[in-house]
Amino acid sequence: MAAILCPRCHKIVSAEAETCPHCGQRKPGLWGATATMRKLGLQLNFPHLITVFCGVLYLLALALDPSAIFQTQGLMQIL
């Protein structure tokens, strides 16, 4: 049985717990997905996930308007 930190009170609870016994947070183990992810060897690395998401959005923006790649604009032109 895996133990995790509750996202609300930051105390140790079981990953399979329905509610946190300390603060009452429902499904503190990411609605049961943490145990499954741990069995598959996956870890939820939030900063890495955000970085990849922003990179994909940037590449998508470049793909939608490729002529903007070589256009230089100052930051104040946005205003």
PDB file of N, CA and C in Angstrom:
ATOM      1  N   MET A   1       0.850  -1.162   0.000  1.00  0.00           N
ATOM      2  CA  MET A   1       0.000   0.000   0.000  1.00  0.00           C
ATOM      3  C   MET A   1       0.906   1.239   0.000  1.00  0.00           C
ATOM      4  N   ALA A   2       0.677   2.130  -0.960  1.00  0.00           N
ATOM      5  CA  ALA A   2       1.481   3.336  -1.103  1.00  0.00           C
ATOM      6  C   ALA A   2       0.919   4.458  -0.244  1.00  0.00           C
ATOM      7  N   ALA A   3       1.814   5.295   0.241  1.00  0.00           N
ATOM      8  CA  ALA A   3       1.410   6.460   1.019  1.00  0.00           C
ATOM      9  C   ALA A   3       1.767   7.713   0.229  1.00  0.00           C
ATOM     10  N   ILE A   4       0.882   8.701   0.293  1.00  0.00           N
ATOM     11  CA  ILE A   4       1.099   9.967  -0.414  1.00  0.00           C
ATOM     12  C   ILE A   4       0.822  11.118   0.544  1.00  0.00           C
ATOM     13  N   LEU A   5       1.185  12.315   0.124  1.00  0.00           N
ATOM     14  CA  LEU A   5       0.836  13.509   0.896  1.00  0.00           C
ATOM     15  C   LEU A   5      -0.495  14.043   0.384  1.00  0.00           C
ATOM     16  N   CYS A   6      -1.373  14.361   1.290  1.00  0.00           N
ATOM     17  CA  CYS A   6      -2.655  14.958   0.921  1.00  0.00           C
ATOM     18  C   CYS A   6      -2.388  16.338   0.327  1.00  0.00           C
ATOM     19  N   PRO A   7      -3.003  16.664  -0.819  1.00  0.00           N
ATOM     20  CA  PRO A   7      -2.750  17.966  -1.434  1.00  0.00           C
ATOM     21  C   PRO A   7      -3.278  19.148  -0.614  1.00  0.00           C
ATOM     22  N   ARG A   8      -4.211  18.916   0.284  1.00  0.00           N
ATOM     23  CA  ARG A   8      -4.773  20.020   1.065  1.00  0.00           C
ATOM     24  C   ARG A   8      -4.022  20.236   2.375  1.00  0.00           C
ATOM     25  N   CYS A   9      -3.850  19.171   3.181  1.00  0.00           N
ATOM     26  CA  CYS A   9      -3.243  19.342   4.505  1.00  0.00           C
ATOM     27  C   CYS A   9      -1.785  18.884   4.572  1.00  0.00           C
ATOM     28  N   HIS A  10      -1.288  18.250   3.522  1.00  0.00           N
ATOM     29  CA  HIS A  10       0.105  17.801   3.415  1.00  0.00           C
ATOM     30  C   HIS A  10       0.493  16.791   4.490  1.00  0.00           C
ATOM     31  N   LYS A  11      -0.458  15.961   4.888  1.00  0.00           N
ATOM     32  CA  LYS A  11      -0.162  14.881   5.822  1.00  0.00           C
ATOM     33  C   LYS A  11      -0.205  13.562   5.058  1.00  0.00           C
ATOM     34  N   ILE A  12       0.464  12.546   5.585  1.00  0.00           N
ATOM     35  CA  ILE A  12       0.559  11.258   4.902  1.00  0.00           C
ATOM     36  C   ILE A  12      -0.751  10.497   5.007  1.00  0.00           C
ATOM     37  N   VAL A  13      -1.259  10.046   3.839  1.00  0.00           N
ATOM     38  CA  VAL A  13      -2.466   9.221   3.778  1.00  0.00           C
ATOM     39  C   VAL A  13      -2.228   8.103   2.763  1.00  0.00           C
ATOM     40  N   SER A  14      -3.085   7.113   2.784  1.00  0.00           N
ATOM     41  CA  SER A  14      -3.007   6.027   1.814  1.00  0.00           C
ATOM     42  C   SER A  14      -3.430   6.523   0.443  1.00  0.00           C
ATOM     43  N   ALA A  15      -2.770   6.045  -0.618  1.00  0.00           N
ATOM     44  CA  ALA A  15      -3.116   6.450  -1.978  1.00  0.00           C
ATOM     45  C   ALA A  15      -4.491   5.941  -2.372  1.00  0.00           C
ATOM     46  N   GLU A  16      -4.959   4.888  -1.736  1.00  0.00           N
ATOM     47  CA  GLU A  16      -6.260   4.326  -2.056  1.00  0.00           C
ATOM     48  C   GLU A  16      -7.377   4.855  -1.170  1.00  0.00           C
ATOM     49  N   ALA A  17      -7.078   5.796  -0.269  1.00  0.00           N
ATOM     50  CA  ALA A  17      -8.081   6.311   0.663  1.00  0.00           C
ATOM     51  C   ALA A  17      -9.154   7.101  -0.085  1.00  0.00           C
ATOM     52  N   GLU A  18     -10.399   6.922   0.320  1.00  0.00           N
ATOM     53  CA  GLU A  18     -11.513   7.659  -0.275  1.00  0.00           C
ATOM     54  C   GLU A  18     -11.495   9.119   0.159  1.00  0.00           C
ATOM     55  N   THR A  19     -11.188   9.355   1.427  1.00  0.00           N
ATOM     56  CA  THR A  19     -11.069  10.719   1.949  1.00  0.00           C
ATOM     57  C   THR A  19      -9.851  10.776   2.857  1.00  0.00           C
ATOM     58  N   CYS A  20      -9.298  11.964   3.006  1.00  0.00           N
ATOM     59  CA  CYS A  20      -8.191  12.164   3.931  1.00  0.00           C
ATOM     60  C   CYS A  20      -8.743  12.118   5.350  1.00  0.00           C
ATOM     61  N   PRO A  21      -8.181  11.287   6.228  1.00  0.00           N
ATOM     62  CA  PRO A  21      -8.712  11.221   7.604  1.00  0.00           C
ATOM     63  C   PRO A  21      -8.417  12.487   8.409  1.00  0.00           C
ATOM     64  N   HIS A  22      -7.507  13.325   7.942  1.00  0.00           N
ATOM     65  CA  HIS A  22      -7.134  14.531   8.685  1.00  0.00           C
ATOM     66  C   HIS A  22      -7.991  15.743   8.303  1.00  0.00           C
ATOM     67  N   CYS A  23      -8.210  15.950   6.983  1.00  0.00           N
ATOM     68  CA  CYS A  23      -8.919  17.172   6.565  1.00  0.00           C
ATOM     69  C   CYS A  23     -10.201  16.888   5.778  1.00  0.00           C
ATOM     70  N   GLY A  24     -10.423  15.641   5.364  1.00  0.00           N
ATOM     71  CA  GLY A  24     -11.643  15.291   4.660  1.00  0.00           C
ATOM     72  C   GLY A  24     -11.592  15.480   3.152  1.00  0.00           C
ATOM     73  N   GLN A  25     -10.425  15.789   2.598  1.00  0.00           N
ATOM     74  CA  GLN A  25     -10.276  15.953   1.144  1.00  0.00           C
ATOM     75  C   GLN A  25     -10.707  14.670   0.438  1.00  0.00           C
ATOM     76  N   ARG A  26     -11.628  14.798  -0.542  1.00  0.00           N
ATOM     77  CA  ARG A  26     -12.077  13.632  -1.298  1.00  0.00           C
ATOM     78  C   ARG A  26     -10.992  13.181  -2.259  1.00  0.00           C
ATOM     79  N   LYS A  27     -10.759  11.904  -2.342  1.00  0.00           N
ATOM     80  CA  LYS A  27      -9.811  11.280  -3.262  1.00  0.00           C
ATOM     81  C   LYS A  27      -8.448  11.984  -3.265  1.00  0.00           C
ATOM     82  N   PRO A  28      -7.739  11.997  -2.146  1.00  0.00           N
ATOM     83  CA  PRO A  28      -6.452  12.692  -2.113  1.00  0.00           C
ATOM     84  C   PRO A  28      -5.406  12.055  -3.022  1.00  0.00           C
ATOM     85  N   GLY A  29      -5.629  10.830  -3.442  1.00  0.00           N
ATOM     86  CA  GLY A  29      -4.676  10.139  -4.308  1.00  0.00           C
ATOM     87  C   GLY A  29      -4.991  10.312  -5.776  1.00  0.00           C
ATOM     88  N   LEU A  30      -5.402  11.492  -6.187  1.00  0.00           N
ATOM     89  CA  LEU A  30      -5.692  11.802  -7.595  1.00  0.00           C
ATOM     90  C   LEU A  30      -6.758  10.862  -8.131  1.00  0.00           C
ATOM     91  N   TRP A  31      -7.803  10.678  -7.335  1.00  0.00           N
ATOM     92  CA  TRP A  31      -8.943   9.831  -7.689  1.00  0.00           C
ATOM     93  C   TRP A  31      -8.507   8.418  -8.044  1.00  0.00           C
ATOM     94  N   GLY A  32      -7.518   7.904  -7.319  1.00  0.00           N
ATOM     95  CA  GLY A  32      -7.066   6.533  -7.512  1.00  0.00           C
ATOM     96  C   GLY A  32      -6.039   6.363  -8.608  1.00  0.00           C
ATOM     97  N   ALA A  33      -5.722   7.400  -9.326  1.00  0.00           N
ATOM     98  CA  ALA A  33      -4.784   7.277 -10.452  1.00  0.00           C
ATOM     99  C   ALA A  33      -3.333   7.188  -9.995  1.00  0.00           C
ATOM    100  N   THR A  34      -3.025   7.658  -8.784  1.00  0.00           N
ATOM    101  CA  THR A  34      -1.628   7.630  -8.349  1.00  0.00           C
ATOM    102  C   THR A  34      -1.124   6.201  -8.206  1.00  0.00           C
ATOM    103  N   ALA A  35      -1.933   5.343  -7.634  1.00  0.00           N
ATOM    104  CA  ALA A  35      -1.491   3.959  -7.471  1.00  0.00           C
ATOM    105  C   ALA A  35      -1.301   3.293  -8.832  1.00  0.00           C
ATOM    106  N   THR A  36      -2.200   3.561  -9.767  1.00  0.00           N
ATOM    107  CA  THR A  36      -2.087   2.995 -11.113  1.00  0.00           C
ATOM    108  C   THR A  36      -0.865   3.536 -11.824  1.00  0.00           C
ATOM    109  N   MET A  37      -0.633   4.834 -11.715  1.00  0.00           N
ATOM    110  CA  MET A  37       0.542   5.432 -12.354  1.00  0.00           C
ATOM    111  C   MET A  37       1.828   4.881 -11.752  1.00  0.00           C
ATOM    112  N   ARG A  38       1.834   4.684 -10.437  1.00  0.00           N
ATOM    113  CA  ARG A  38       3.025   4.157  -9.772  1.00  0.00           C
ATOM    114  C   ARG A  38       3.283   2.725 -10.220  1.00  0.00           C
ATOM    115  N   LYS A  39       2.229   1.925 -10.427  1.00  0.00           N
ATOM    116  CA  LYS A  39       2.399   0.550 -10.901  1.00  0.00           C
ATOM    117  C   LYS A  39       2.978   0.522 -12.310  1.00  0.00           C
ATOM    118  N   LEU A  40       2.592   1.497 -13.132  1.00  0.00           N
ATOM    119  CA  LEU A  40       3.108   1.573 -14.494  1.00  0.00           C
ATOM    120  C   LEU A  40       4.489   2.214 -14.557  1.00  0.00           C
ATOM    121  N   GLY A  41       4.954   2.752 -13.438  1.00  0.00           N
ATOM    122  CA  GLY A  41       6.258   3.390 -13.392  1.00  0.00           C
ATOM    123  C   GLY A  41       6.225   4.843 -13.824  1.00  0.00           C
ATOM    124  N   LEU A  42       5.041   5.437 -13.884  1.00  0.00           N
ATOM    125  CA  LEU A  42       4.913   6.834 -14.290  1.00  0.00           C
ATOM    126  C   LEU A  42       4.883   7.730 -13.064  1.00  0.00           C
ATOM    127  N   GLN A  43       5.431   8.926 -13.214  1.00  0.00           N
ATOM    128  CA  GLN A  43       5.371   9.908 -12.145  1.00  0.00           C
ATOM    129  C   GLN A  43       4.777  11.186 -12.717  1.00  0.00           C
ATOM    130  N   LEU A  44       3.988  11.865 -11.946  1.00  0.00           N
ATOM    131  CA  LEU A  44       3.384  13.118 -12.371  1.00  0.00           C
ATOM    132  C   LEU A  44       4.326  14.251 -11.988  1.00  0.00           C
ATOM    133  N   ASN A  45       5.083  14.719 -12.965  1.00  0.00           N
ATOM    134  CA  ASN A  45       6.035  15.792 -12.746  1.00  0.00           C
ATOM    135  C   ASN A  45       5.405  17.065 -13.297  1.00  0.00           C
ATOM    136  N   PHE A  46       4.732  17.818 -12.447  1.00  0.00           N
ATOM    137  CA  PHE A  46       3.935  18.956 -12.886  1.00  0.00           C
ATOM    138  C   PHE A  46       4.749  20.035 -13.602  1.00  0.00           C
ATOM    139  N   PRO A  47       5.911  20.460 -13.093  1.00  0.00           N
ATOM    140  CA  PRO A  47       6.680  21.484 -13.823  1.00  0.00           C
ATOM    141  C   PRO A  47       7.102  21.022 -15.221  1.00  0.00           C
ATOM    142  N   HIS A  48       7.486  19.765 -15.337  1.00  0.00           N
ATOM    143  CA  HIS A  48       7.860  19.236 -16.652  1.00  0.00           C
ATOM    144  C   HIS A  48       6.642  19.200 -17.582  1.00  0.00           C
ATOM    145  N   LEU A  49       5.499  18.826 -17.045  1.00  0.00           N
ATOM    146  CA  LEU A  49       4.267  18.781 -17.827  1.00  0.00           C
ATOM    147  C   LEU A  49       3.895  20.166 -18.356  1.00  0.00           C
ATOM    148  N   ILE A  50       4.014  21.180 -17.528  1.00  0.00           N
ATOM    149  CA  ILE A  50       3.712  22.553 -17.945  1.00  0.00           C
ATOM    150  C   ILE A  50       4.698  23.021 -19.012  1.00  0.00           C
ATOM    151  N   THR A  51       5.984  22.704 -18.850  1.00  0.00           N
ATOM    152  CA  THR A  51       6.995  23.102 -19.825  1.00  0.00           C
ATOM    153  C   THR A  51       6.726  22.470 -21.182  1.00  0.00           C
ATOM    154  N   VAL A  52       6.415  21.189 -21.203  1.00  0.00           N
ATOM    155  CA  VAL A  52       6.118  20.503 -22.459  1.00  0.00           C
ATOM    156  C   VAL A  52       4.852  21.083 -23.089  1.00  0.00           C
ATOM    157  N   PHE A  53       3.838  21.350 -22.291  1.00  0.00           N
ATOM    158  CA  PHE A  53       2.594  21.918 -22.795  1.00  0.00           C
ATOM    159  C   PHE A  53       2.839  23.278 -23.448  1.00  0.00           C
ATOM    160  N   CYS A  54       3.631  24.130 -22.802  1.00  0.00           N
ATOM    161  CA  CYS A  54       3.940  25.452 -23.364  1.00  0.00           C
ATOM    162  C   CYS A  54       4.754  25.324 -24.645  1.00  0.00           C
ATOM    163  N   GLY A  55       5.680  24.375 -24.683  1.00  0.00           N
ATOM    164  CA  GLY A  55       6.465  24.151 -25.894  1.00  0.00           C
ATOM    165  C   GLY A  55       5.604  23.708 -27.058  1.00  0.00           C
ATOM    166  N   VAL A  56       4.654  22.832 -26.790  1.00  0.00           N
ATOM    167  CA  VAL A  56       3.743  22.365 -27.836  1.00  0.00           C
ATOM    168  C   VAL A  56       2.869  23.515 -28.329  1.00  0.00           C
ATOM    169  N   LEU A  57       2.383  24.344 -27.418  1.00  0.00           N
ATOM    170  CA  LEU A  57       1.591  25.503 -27.829  1.00  0.00           C
ATOM    171  C   LEU A  57       2.414  26.475 -28.679  1.00  0.00           C
ATOM    172  N   TYR A  58       3.679  26.664 -28.337  1.00  0.00           N
ATOM    173  CA  TYR A  58       4.554  27.541 -29.102  1.00  0.00           C
ATOM    174  C   TYR A  58       4.759  26.998 -30.511  1.00  0.00           C
ATOM    175  N   LEU A  59       5.036  25.703 -30.616  1.00  0.00           N
ATOM    176  CA  LEU A  59       5.225  25.101 -31.939  1.00  0.00           C
ATOM    177  C   LEU A  59       3.936  25.142 -32.758  1.00  0.00           C
ATOM    178  N   LEU A  60       2.806  24.981 -32.107  1.00  0.00           N
ATOM    179  CA  LEU A  60       1.527  25.065 -32.792  1.00  0.00           C
ATOM    180  C   LEU A  60       1.292  26.483 -33.320  1.00  0.00           C
ATOM    181  N   ALA A  61       1.639  27.485 -32.529  1.00  0.00           N
ATOM    182  CA  ALA A  61       1.489  28.873 -32.970  1.00  0.00           C
ATOM    183  C   ALA A  61       2.392  29.160 -34.164  1.00  0.00           C
ATOM    184  N   LEU A  62       3.601  28.629 -34.163  1.00  0.00           N
ATOM    185  CA  LEU A  62       4.500  28.812 -35.300  1.00  0.00           C
ATOM    186  C   LEU A  62       3.985  28.077 -36.533  1.00  0.00           C
ATOM    187  N   ALA A  63       3.380  26.931 -36.340  1.00  0.00           N
ATOM    188  CA  ALA A  63       2.855  26.167 -37.474  1.00  0.00           C
ATOM    189  C   ALA A  63       1.636  26.865 -38.085  1.00  0.00           C
ATOM    190  N   LEU A  64       0.860  27.569 -37.264  1.00  0.00           N
ATOM    191  CA  LEU A  64      -0.321  28.258 -37.769  1.00  0.00           C
ATOM    192  C   LEU A  64       0.030  29.527 -38.540  1.00  0.00           C
ATOM    193  N   ASP A  65       1.148  30.147 -38.202  1.00  0.00           N
ATOM    194  CA  ASP A  65       1.566  31.387 -38.880  1.00  0.00           C
ATOM    195  C   ASP A  65       3.083  31.346 -39.110  1.00  0.00           C
ATOM    196  N   PRO A  66       3.540  30.550 -40.095  1.00  0.00           N
ATOM    197  CA  PRO A  66       4.989  30.414 -40.297  1.00  0.00           C
ATOM    198  C   PRO A  66       5.670  31.692 -40.777  1.00  0.00           C
ATOM    199  N   SER A  67       4.936  32.618 -41.373  1.00  0.00           N
ATOM    200  CA  SER A  67       5.562  33.859 -41.822  1.00  0.00           C
ATOM    201  C   SER A  67       5.993  34.735 -40.646  1.00  0.00           C
ATOM    202  N   ALA A  68       5.424  34.522 -39.486  1.00  0.00           N
ATOM    203  CA  ALA A  68       5.770  35.311 -38.308  1.00  0.00           C
ATOM    204  C   ALA A  68       7.108  34.907 -37.702  1.00  0.00           C
ATOM    205  N   ILE A  69       7.673  33.804 -38.155  1.00  0.00           N
ATOM    206  CA  ILE A  69       8.934  33.333 -37.588  1.00  0.00           C
ATOM    207  C   ILE A  69      10.043  34.361 -37.816  1.00  0.00           C
ATOM    208  N   PHE A  70      10.084  34.968 -39.007  1.00  0.00           N
ATOM    209  CA  PHE A  70      11.174  35.874 -39.356  1.00  0.00           C
ATOM    210  C   PHE A  70      10.799  37.348 -39.199  1.00  0.00           C
ATOM    211  N   GLN A  71       9.635  37.631 -38.668  1.00  0.00           N
ATOM    212  CA  GLN A  71       9.238  39.019 -38.432  1.00  0.00           C
ATOM    213  C   GLN A  71       9.667  39.414 -37.027  1.00  0.00           C
ATOM    214  N   THR A  72      10.482  40.440 -36.948  1.00  0.00           N
ATOM    215  CA  THR A  72      10.909  40.902 -35.633  1.00  0.00           C
ATOM    216  C   THR A  72      10.016  42.059 -35.205  1.00  0.00           C
ATOM    217  N   GLN A  73       9.519  41.962 -33.999  1.00  0.00           N
ATOM    218  CA  GLN A  73       8.663  43.003 -33.450  1.00  0.00           C
ATOM    219  C   GLN A  73       9.110  43.278 -32.026  1.00  0.00           C
ATOM    220  N   GLY A  74       8.958  44.524 -31.626  1.00  0.00           N
ATOM    221  CA  GLY A  74       9.280  44.878 -30.260  1.00  0.00           C
ATOM    222  C   GLY A  74       8.163  44.457 -29.313  1.00  0.00           C
ATOM    223  N   LEU A  75       8.498  44.380 -28.073  1.00  0.00           N
ATOM    224  CA  LEU A  75       7.511  43.983 -27.069  1.00  0.00           C
ATOM    225  C   LEU A  75       6.391  45.008 -26.941  1.00  0.00           C
ATOM    226  N   MET A  76       6.686  46.290 -27.166  1.00  0.00           N
ATOM    227  CA  MET A  76       5.681  47.334 -27.006  1.00  0.00           C
ATOM    228  C   MET A  76       4.677  47.378 -28.153  1.00  0.00           C
ATOM    229  N   GLN A  77       4.937  46.711 -29.243  1.00  0.00           N
ATOM    230  CA  GLN A  77       3.986  46.691 -30.350  1.00  0.00           C
ATOM    231  C   GLN A  77       2.760  45.843 -30.028  1.00  0.00           C
ATOM    232  N   ILE A  78       2.835  45.039 -29.012  1.00  0.00           N
ATOM    233  CA  ILE A  78       1.687  44.241 -28.581  1.00  0.00           C
ATOM    234  C   ILE A  78       0.593  45.166 -28.056  1.00  0.00           C
ATOM    235  N   LEU A  79       1.018  46.233 -27.391  1.00  0.00           N
ATOM    236  CA  LEU A  79       0.059  47.162 -26.809  1.00  0.00           C
ATOM    237  C   LEU A  79      -0.586  47.954 -27.912  1.00  0.00           C
TER     238      LEU A  79
END
